[in-house]
C-alpha atoms as a PDB file:
ATOM      1  CA  MET A   1      66.196  37.994  22.100  1.00  0.00           C
ATOM      2  CA  ARG A   2      68.088  37.002  18.973  1.00  0.00           C
ATOM      3  CA  LEU A   3      69.441  33.892  20.691  1.00  0.00           C
ATOM      4  CA  ALA A   4      65.971  32.794  21.770  1.00  0.00           C
ATOM      5  CA  ALA A   5      64.615  33.218  18.247  1.00  0.00           C
ATOM      6  CA  ALA A   6      67.511  31.272  16.765  1.00  0.00           C
ATOM      7  CA  LEU A   7      67.048  28.506  19.307  1.00  0.00           C
ATOM      8  CA  ALA A   8      63.355  28.218  18.485  1.00  0.00           C
ATOM      9  CA  VAL A   9      64.004  27.980  14.756  1.00  0.00           C
ATOM     10  CA  CYS A  10      66.750  25.391  15.091  1.00  0.00           C
ATOM     11  CA  LEU A  11      64.855  23.316  17.640  1.00  0.00           C
ATOM     12  CA  LEU A  12      61.811  22.666  15.486  1.00  0.00           C
ATOM     13  CA  PRO A  13      63.375  19.857  13.350  1.00  0.00           C
ATOM     14  CA  LEU A  14      64.806  18.186  16.440  1.00  0.00           C
ATOM     15  CA  LEU A  15      61.552  18.104  18.313  1.00  0.00           C
ATOM     16  CA  ALA A  16      59.249  17.291  15.409  1.00  0.00           C
ATOM     17  CA  GLY A  17      59.137  13.585  16.207  1.00  0.00           C
ATOM     18  CA  GLY A  18      58.277  14.129  19.839  1.00  0.00           C
ATOM     19  CA  ALA A  19      55.782  16.831  19.049  1.00  0.00           C
ATOM     20  CA  ARG A  20      53.720  14.543  16.817  1.00  0.00           C
ATOM     21  CA  ALA A  21      53.357  12.116  19.704  1.00  0.00           C
ATOM     22  CA  GLN A  22      51.768  14.703  21.921  1.00  0.00           C
ATOM     23  CA  SER A  23      48.020  14.704  21.895  1.00  0.00           C
ATOM     24  CA  ALA A  24      46.220  17.905  21.130  1.00  0.00           C
ATOM     25  CA  SER A  25      44.182  17.479  24.275  1.00  0.00           C
ATOM     26  CA  LYS A  26      47.288  17.413  26.606  1.00  0.00           C
ATOM     27  CA  PRO A  27      48.780  20.631  28.032  1.00  0.00           C
ATOM     28  CA  PRO A  28      52.169  21.770  26.620  1.00  0.00           C
ATOM     29  CA  VAL A  29      55.373  20.618  28.410  1.00  0.00           C
ATOM     30  CA  THR A  30      58.845  22.170  28.708  1.00  0.00           C
ATOM     31  CA  VAL A  31      62.039  20.724  27.241  1.00  0.00           C
ATOM     32  CA  THR A  32      65.717  21.531  27.836  1.00  0.00           C
ATOM     33  CA  VAL A  33      67.746  22.714  24.849  1.00  0.00           C
ATOM     34  CA  TYR A  34      71.550  22.537  25.073  1.00  0.00           C
ATOM     35  CA  ARG A  35      73.840  24.942  23.183  1.00  0.00           C
ATOM     36  CA  CYS A  36      77.217  23.319  22.754  1.00  0.00           C
ATOM     37  CA  THR A  37      80.449  25.034  21.611  1.00  0.00           C
ATOM     38  CA  ASP A  38      83.468  22.876  20.813  1.00  0.00           C
ATOM     39  CA  ALA A  39      87.171  23.854  20.940  1.00  0.00           C
ATOM     40  CA  ALA A  40      87.035  25.171  17.351  1.00  0.00           C
ATOM     41  CA  GLY A  41      84.119  27.489  18.182  1.00  0.00           C
ATOM     42  CA  LYS A  42      81.483  25.481  16.299  1.00  0.00           C
ATOM     43  CA  VAL A  43      78.022  25.840  17.891  1.00  0.00           C
ATOM     44  CA  SER A  44      75.366  23.127  17.884  1.00  0.00           C
ATOM     45  CA  LEU A  45      71.904  22.781  19.467  1.00  0.00           C
ATOM     46  CA  GLN A  46      70.685  19.449  20.863  1.00  0.00           C
ATOM     47  CA  ASP A  47      68.285  17.959  23.361  1.00  0.00           C
ATOM     48  CA  ALA A  48      71.051  16.099  25.267  1.00  0.00           C
ATOM     49  CA  PRO A  49      73.869  17.503  27.418  1.00  0.00           C
ATOM     50  CA  CYS A  50      77.015  18.568  25.578  1.00  0.00           C
ATOM     51  CA  ALA A  51      80.015  16.264  25.237  1.00  0.00           C
ATOM     52  CA  LYS A  52      82.874  16.515  27.668  1.00  0.00           C
ATOM     53  CA  GLY A  53      85.248  19.357  26.828  1.00  0.00           C
ATOM     54  CA  GLN A  54      82.503  21.505  25.135  1.00  0.00           C
ATOM     55  CA  ALA A  55      81.103  24.719  26.523  1.00  0.00           C
ATOM     56  CA  GLN A  56      77.450  24.194  27.395  1.00  0.00           C
ATOM     57  CA  GLN A  57      74.459  26.490  27.811  1.00  0.00           C
ATOM     58  CA  ALA A  58      71.029  25.123  28.728  1.00  0.00           C
ATOM     59  CA  ARG A  59      67.607  26.773  28.206  1.00  0.00           C
ATOM     60  CA  GLU A  60      64.105  25.614  29.085  1.00  0.00           C
ATOM     61  CA  MET A  61      61.575  25.886  26.182  1.00  0.00           C
ATOM     62  CA  LEU A  62      57.973  24.790  25.589  1.00  0.00           C
ATOM     63  CA  ARG A  63      57.551  21.673  23.503  1.00  0.00           C
ATOM     64  CA  PRO A  64      55.484  22.504  20.400  1.00  0.00           C
ATOM     65  CA  VAL A  65      52.087  20.823  20.159  1.00  0.00           C
ATOM     66  CA  ASP A  66      50.363  19.732  16.957  1.00  0.00           C
ATOM     67  CA  ALA A  67      47.298  21.640  15.993  1.00  0.00           C
ATOM     68  CA  PRO A  68      43.977  19.799  16.467  1.00  0.00           C
ATOM     69  CA  ALA A  69      43.151  17.496  13.595  1.00  0.00           C
ATOM     70  CA  LEU A  70      40.663  18.843  11.098  1.00  0.00           C
ATOM     71  CA  PRO A  71      37.404  16.905  10.678  1.00  0.00           C
ATOM     72  CA  ALA A  72      37.563  14.374   7.907  1.00  0.00           C
ATOM     73  CA  MET A  73      36.094  15.668   4.673  1.00  0.00           C
ATOM     74  CA  PRO A  74      33.393  13.474   3.156  1.00  0.00           C
ATOM     75  CA  SER A  75      34.681  11.522   0.225  1.00  0.00           C
ATOM     76  CA  LYS A  76      33.336  12.576  -3.120  1.00  0.00           C
ATOM     77  CA  PRO A  77      31.043  10.071  -4.760  1.00  0.00           C
ATOM     78  CA  SER A  78      32.497   8.209  -7.685  1.00  0.00           C
ATOM     79  CA  SER A  79      29.764   9.515  -9.913  1.00  0.00           C
ATOM     80  CA  ALA A  80      27.575  12.525  -9.715  1.00  0.00           C
ATOM     81  CA  ALA A  81      24.328  12.004  -7.903  1.00  0.00           C
ATOM     82  CA  PRO A  82      21.463  11.559 -10.325  1.00  0.00           C
ATOM     83  CA  VAL A  83      19.530  14.715 -10.878  1.00  0.00           C
ATOM     84  CA  PRO A  84      15.888  14.124 -10.162  1.00  0.00           C
ATOM     85  CA  ALA A  85      13.902  14.321 -13.320  1.00  0.00           C
ATOM     86  CA  SER A  86      11.677  17.291 -13.568  1.00  0.00           C
ATOM     87  CA  PRO A  87       8.024  16.361 -13.468  1.00  0.00           C
ATOM     88  CA  SER A  88       6.618  16.035 -16.927  1.00  0.00           C
ATOM     89  CA  GLU A  89       4.146  18.615 -18.025  1.00  0.00           C
ATOM     90  CA  SER A  90       0.584  17.488 -17.691  1.00  0.00           C
ATOM     91  CA  ARG A  91      -1.412  18.028 -20.810  1.00  0.00           C
ATOM     92  CA  THR A  92      -5.158  17.882 -20.940  1.00  0.00           C
ATOM     93  CA  VAL A  93      -6.651  16.959 -24.264  1.00  0.00           C
ATOM     94  CA  TYR A  94     -10.336  17.528 -24.791  1.00  0.00           C
ATOM     95  CA  LEU A  95     -12.011  15.370 -27.409  1.00  0.00           C
ATOM     96  CA  ALA A  96     -15.346  16.215 -28.924  1.00  0.00           C
ATOM     97  CA  PRO A  97     -17.986  13.507 -28.604  1.00  0.00           C
ATOM     98  CA  PRO A  98     -18.137  11.240 -31.667  1.00  0.00           C
ATOM     99  CA  ARG A  99     -20.430  12.502 -34.351  1.00  0.00           C
ATOM    100  CA  PRO A 100     -23.140  10.012 -35.307  1.00  0.00           C
ATOM    101  CA  MET A 101     -23.528   8.733 -38.852  1.00  0.00           C
ATOM    102  CA  TYR A 102     -26.819   7.613 -40.332  1.00  0.00           C
ATOM    103  CA  GLU A 103     -27.705   5.426 -43.281  1.00  0.00           C
ATOM    104  CA  CYS A 104     -30.785   6.649 -45.113  1.00  0.00           C
ATOM    105  CA  VAL A 105     -32.922   5.002 -47.801  1.00  0.00           C
ATOM    106  CA  THR A 106     -34.941   6.897 -50.409  1.00  0.00           C
ATOM    107  CA  PRO A 107     -38.387   5.705 -51.564  1.00  0.00           C
ATOM    108  CA  GLU A 108     -36.654   4.379 -54.679  1.00  0.00           C
ATOM    109  CA  GLY A 109     -34.327   2.215 -52.530  1.00  0.00           C
ATOM    110  CA  LYS A 110     -31.173   4.289 -52.949  1.00  0.00           C
ATOM    111  CA  ARG A 111     -28.937   4.304 -49.866  1.00  0.00           C
ATOM    112  CA  TYR A 112     -26.720   7.167 -48.655  1.00  0.00           C
ATOM    113  CA  THR A 113     -25.051   8.340 -45.447  1.00  0.00           C
ATOM    114  CA  SER A 114     -25.981  11.440 -43.486  1.00  0.00           C
ATOM    115  CA  ASP A 115     -24.623  13.224 -40.416  1.00  0.00           C
ATOM    116  CA  ASP A 116     -27.925  14.532 -39.072  1.00  0.00           C
ATOM    117  CA  GLY A 117     -30.382  11.721 -39.778  1.00  0.00           C
ATOM    118  CA  ARG A 118     -33.049  14.149 -40.990  1.00  0.00           C
ATOM    119  CA  GLY A 119     -33.649  12.102 -44.103  1.00  0.00           C
ATOM    120  CA  ASN A 120     -33.505  14.941 -46.655  1.00  0.00           C
ATOM    121  CA  PRO A 121     -36.812  16.613 -45.712  1.00  0.00           C
ATOM    122  CA  ARG A 122     -38.675  17.953 -48.746  1.00  0.00           C
ATOM    123  CA  TRP A 123     -42.108  19.290 -49.670  1.00  0.00           C
ATOM    124  CA  VAL A 124     -43.999  17.308 -52.307  1.00  0.00           C
ATOM    125  CA  PRO A 125     -47.533  17.565 -53.723  1.00  0.00           C
ATOM    126  CA  LEU A 126     -49.935  14.996 -52.376  1.00  0.00           C
ATOM    127  CA  TRP A 127     -50.705  13.582 -55.820  1.00  0.00           C
ATOM    128  CA  THR A 128     -47.051  12.460 -56.146  1.00  0.00           C
ATOM    129  CA  LEU A 129     -47.647  10.139 -53.227  1.00  0.00           C
ATOM    130  CA  GLY A 130     -50.600   8.420 -54.953  1.00  0.00           C
ATOM    131  CA  TYR A 131     -53.410  10.246 -53.230  1.00  0.00           C
ATOM    132  CA  PRO A 132     -56.519  10.781 -55.462  1.00  0.00           C
ATOM    133  CA  ALA A 133     -56.814  14.285 -56.850  1.00  0.00           C
ATOM    134  CA  VAL A 134     -60.122  16.088 -56.293  1.00  0.00           C
ATOM    135  CA  ARG A 135     -60.578  19.523 -57.775  1.00  0.00           C
ATOM    136  CA  PRO A 136     -62.382  21.963 -55.513  1.00  0.00           C
ATOM    137  CA  ARG A 137     -65.811  23.190 -56.556  1.00  0.00           C
ATOM    138  CA  SER A 138     -66.123  26.722 -57.854  1.00  0.00           C
ATOM    139  CA  MET A 139     -68.983  29.163 -57.912  1.00  0.00           C
ATOM    140  CA  LEU A 140     -69.760  28.099 -61.495  1.00  0.00           C
ATOM    141  CA  GLY A 141     -69.765  24.360 -60.893  1.00  0.00           C
ATOM    142  CA  ASP A 142     -67.336  21.488 -61.301  1.00  0.00           C
ATOM    143  CA  ASN A 143     -64.606  21.987 -63.898  1.00  0.00           C
ATOM    144  CA  ILE A 144     -66.490  24.312 -66.206  1.00  0.00           C
ATOM    145  CA  GLY A 145     -65.627  23.624 -69.840  1.00  0.00           C
ATOM    146  CA  GLN A 146     -64.297  20.110 -69.301  1.00  0.00           C
ATOM    147  CA  PRO A 147     -67.097  18.069 -67.735  1.00  0.00           C
ATOM    148  CA  ASP A 148     -65.718  14.800 -69.039  1.00  0.00           C
ATOM    149  CA  LYS A 149     -62.437  15.161 -67.050  1.00  0.00           C
ATOM    150  CA  VAL A 150     -63.906  15.987 -63.674  1.00  0.00           C
ATOM    151  CA  MET A 151     -62.864  13.668 -60.837  1.00  0.00           C
ATOM    152  CA  HIS A 152     -65.731  13.537 -58.356  1.00  0.00           C
ATOM    153  CA  PRO A 153     -65.122  12.325 -54.818  1.00  0.00           C
ATOM    154  CA  PRO A 154     -67.110   9.279 -53.764  1.00  0.00           C
ATOM    155  CA  ARG A 155     -70.562   9.928 -52.370  1.00  0.00           C
ATOM    156  CA  ARG A 156     -69.580   9.036 -48.822  1.00  0.00           C
ATOM    157  CA  ASP A 157     -67.557  10.406 -45.959  1.00  0.00           C
ATOM    158  CA  ILE A 158     -63.907  10.603 -46.968  1.00  0.00           C
ATOM    159  CA  ASN A 159     -61.559   9.419 -44.215  1.00  0.00           C
ATOM    160  CA  TRP A 160     -58.402   9.067 -46.352  1.00  0.00           C
ATOM    161  CA  PRO A 161     -56.117  11.773 -47.736  1.00  0.00           C
ATOM    162  CA  VAL A 162     -57.332  13.510 -50.834  1.00  0.00           C
ATOM    163  CA  ALA A 163     -55.106  15.711 -52.989  1.00  0.00           C
ATOM    164  CA  THR A 164     -56.768  19.060 -53.523  1.00  0.00           C
ATOM    165  CA  GLY A 165     -53.707  21.025 -54.593  1.00  0.00           C
ATOM    166  CA  GLY A 166     -51.866  20.770 -51.266  1.00  0.00           C
ATOM    167  CA  GLY A 167     -48.653  19.004 -50.290  1.00  0.00           C
ATOM    168  CA  THR A 168     -46.763  17.558 -47.368  1.00  0.00           C
ATOM    169  CA  TRP A 169     -43.268  17.090 -45.952  1.00  0.00           C
ATOM    170  CA  ILE A 170     -41.623  13.726 -46.447  1.00  0.00           C
ATOM    171  CA  ARG A 171     -38.337  12.299 -45.178  1.00  0.00           C
ATOM    172  CA  ASP A 172     -36.230   9.294 -46.014  1.00  0.00           C
ATOM    173  CA  ASP A 173     -35.946   6.510 -43.476  1.00  0.00           C
ATOM    174  CA  CYS A 174     -32.629   6.821 -41.553  1.00  0.00           C
ATOM    175  CA  THR A 175     -30.886   4.501 -39.086  1.00  0.00           C
ATOM    176  CA  MET A 176     -27.850   5.391 -36.977  1.00  0.00           C
ATOM    177  CA  LEU A 177     -24.786   3.240 -37.755  1.00  0.00           C
ATOM    178  CA  PRO A 178     -22.679   1.590 -35.024  1.00  0.00           C
ATOM    179  CA  PRO A 179     -19.376   3.426 -34.308  1.00  0.00           C
ATOM    180  CA  ARG A 180     -17.252   0.677 -35.906  1.00  0.00           C
ATOM    181  CA  GLU A 181     -19.314   0.740 -39.091  1.00  0.00           C
ATOM    182  CA  ALA A 182     -19.238   4.557 -39.183  1.00  0.00           C
ATOM    183  CA  CYS A 183     -15.414   4.538 -39.019  1.00  0.00           C
ATOM    184  CA  ALA A 184     -15.270   1.970 -41.830  1.00  0.00           C
ATOM    185  CA  ARG A 185     -17.539   4.142 -43.981  1.00  0.00           C
ATOM    186  CA  LEU A 186     -15.286   7.157 -43.365  1.00  0.00           C
ATOM    187  CA  ARG A 187     -12.189   5.249 -44.478  1.00  0.00           C
ATOM    188  CA  ASP A 188     -13.999   3.984 -47.575  1.00  0.00           C
ATOM    189  CA  ARG A 189     -15.024   7.513 -48.422  1.00  0.00           C
ATOM    190  CA  ARG A 190     -11.454   8.754 -48.032  1.00  0.00           C
ATOM    191  CA  SER A 191     -10.170   6.043 -50.375  1.00  0.00           C
ATOM    192  CA  GLU A 192     -12.790   7.076 -52.903  1.00  0.00           C
ATOM    193  CA  LEU A 193     -11.715  10.711 -52.679  1.00  0.00           C
ATOM    194  CA  ARG A 194      -8.061   9.802 -53.243  1.00  0.00           C
ATOM    195  CA  THR A 195      -8.973   7.766 -56.308  1.00  0.00           C
ATOM    196  CA  ARG A 196     -10.969  10.628 -57.780  1.00  0.00           C
ATOM    197  CA  PHE A 197      -8.234  13.150 -56.998  1.00  0.00           C
ATOM    198  CA  PHE A 198      -5.913  12.020 -59.815  1.00  0.00           C
ATOM    199  CA  ASN A 199      -8.466  12.648 -62.574  1.00  0.00           C
ATOM    200  CA  ALA A 200     -10.117  15.718 -61.034  1.00  0.00           C
ATOM    201  CA  GLN A 201      -9.756  19.307 -62.198  1.00  0.00           C
ATOM    202  CA  GLU A 202      -7.978  21.821 -59.980  1.00  0.00           C
ATOM    203  CA  LYS A 203     -11.208  23.351 -58.653  1.00  0.00           C
ATOM    204  CA  GLU A 204     -12.572  19.927 -57.794  1.00  0.00           C
ATOM    205  CA  ARG A 205      -9.269  18.985 -56.133  1.00  0.00           C
ATOM    206  CA  ASP A 206      -9.646  21.870 -53.677  1.00  0.00           C
ATOM    207  CA  ALA A 207     -13.030  20.519 -52.638  1.00  0.00           C
ATOM    208  CA  LEU A 208     -11.634  16.988 -52.358  1.00  0.00           C
ATOM    209  CA  ARG A 209      -8.751  18.191 -50.171  1.00  0.00           C
ATOM    210  CA  ALA A 210     -11.141  20.023 -47.834  1.00  0.00           C
ATOM    211  CA  GLU A 211     -13.392  16.967 -47.522  1.00  0.00           C
ATOM    212  CA  GLU A 212     -10.421  14.668 -46.836  1.00  0.00           C
ATOM    213  CA  ARG A 213      -9.139  17.015 -44.096  1.00  0.00           C
ATOM    214  CA  ASP A 214     -12.549  16.863 -42.449  1.00  0.00           C
ATOM    215  CA  ILE A 215     -12.558  13.050 -42.677  1.00  0.00           C
ATOM    216  CA  ASN A 216      -9.051  12.832 -41.180  1.00  0.00           C
ATOM    217  CA  GLU A 217     -10.008  15.060 -38.260  1.00  0.00           C
ATOM    218  CA  ARG A 218     -13.106  12.991 -37.662  1.00  0.00           C
ATOM    219  CA  LEU A 219     -11.127   9.736 -37.767  1.00  0.00           C
ATOM    220  CA  ASP A 220      -8.637  11.118 -35.232  1.00  0.00           C
ATOM    221  CA  ASN A 221     -11.375  12.225 -32.868  1.00  0.00           C
ATOM    222  CA  ASP A 222     -14.040   9.542 -33.305  1.00  0.00           C
ATOM    223  CA  CYS A 223     -12.054   6.455 -34.324  1.00  0.00           C
ATOM    224  CA  GLY A 224      -8.806   6.788 -32.344  1.00  0.00           C
ATOM    225  CA  GLY A 225      -6.573   7.377 -35.367  1.00  0.00           C
ATOM    226  CA  ARG A 226      -6.486   7.065 -39.101  1.00  0.00           C
END
């Protein structure tokens, strides 16, 4: 048993070249190993018969076979594969519809801007509008005590307004401005506020800041930026 083990260990370097030539798919074959002992007692193993004058022992052994080749590993890419970019977050921005702006004109011809177009509704007596004033009759007659200042209506059917102490609602004439003009008016107003800010008192500055914030928000929403 010891001799067989020693022969197997010593034979491996000798048979390495032949073993590599064997295909993994072929069945194993046997080889003859010669143990030679010369006159001095030196022992050697070889795959050829011993020289003349040497003691020889021969043994049959299986030729070793290479293990099956491992599958080729895929080569690593030179650079890391690009990581797919994560989809960007979708953001939904809701904008309020643009607020209209109106230009209004007072009866005196003064112009101003308004957000509602109501024209500053106000209640005024009829006589302020130029309607004739007629004092109502009383149980004691017309304007007792001051007959010379009585204003009598004409002796015919009255089909036009007569002021008898009443009044009416009036409004200024208003016209909606185009969006481009409204944005220009907002920027002009903001410039005016900034000019007034330097000479304003602290309480007035708070009001100017609040109005400018409102204008900036409106410019961002209605005019696409400041």
